Amino acid sequence: MSDHTTYNCLIIDDEPIAISVIQEHLGAFKNFTCLKGYTRAVEATELLSQGHIDLLFLDINMPGISGLDFLRSLSNPPAVILTTAYRDFAVDAFDLNVLDYLLKPISFERFLKSINKFLKQSAAPPLPQNPDKAGNPHILLKADKKIHKMAVADIVFAESLDNYIIVTTTRQKLICYESLSHLEDRLPDRDFLRIHRSFLINVHKITAFTSAHLEINDRQFTIGRNYKEAVLKRLLPSTSD
């Protein structure tokens, strides 16, 4: 979340009148600025990728791509408040860790509760972006609507599946809605190795390997063709080029 007191908002809804209602509600708060309103989700991709949006109001039932599928496609989404005329999506919505779920027509009183929830969340101290790169032996992982403080040494491997990753540790598995590349950036290079576009491995947990695969206890992992040279150089540092 941004560290300023003015929050940039974005609205995605295929109904222009719904955009106008949210813009009118936002107008009551001097520290909230609506940068744009889009009627098609894909049009907002570039603006969202720039990382300047603090709060996204997102409709669910839209042509082309639904709001939920669009949200799943974002690797690092801002805080999200879903807006919809349907109750049926509530479970799916909160599985995506959205901030709130507003049913249309949206009254100002209900909208105010969502804004207060956002402000309460934004007042929390920001999570460190790369805690372990700075030598911290722990990493913070967001899963199950909680923040888990995990010892880096306890992470065995991480696997990418569609729009989320599964982080397997010595004690549990965590489903996290972030990209594998983002997790890789947060973990120390000396301890972790990307062996496949879908797998990130703790090198200290490897029990055996060949030029085609490696093993961690009874689990076997294929080494991706594009990663093989770097992986073997890392595991066999004395091997000449």
Foldseek 3Di string as FASTA:
>chain_A
DDPDQAAEEEEEALDVVQVVVVVVLCVVPPRYDYPYYHNDLVVCVVVQVVVRHAEYEAEADHPPHGRLRSLLPDQDGHAYEYEYQDPVCVVVVVQSVHQYYAHPPGDSVNVVVSVVSSVVVVPDDDDDQQVVVVPDQWDWADAPNDTDTGGLVQFFKWFDDRQWIWTDGVPDIGIGRHAPVSVVVNHDPVQWDDQDNTMIGGVVQWDADDLAWTDRVPDIGGGDPVRSVVVCCSVPVVDDD
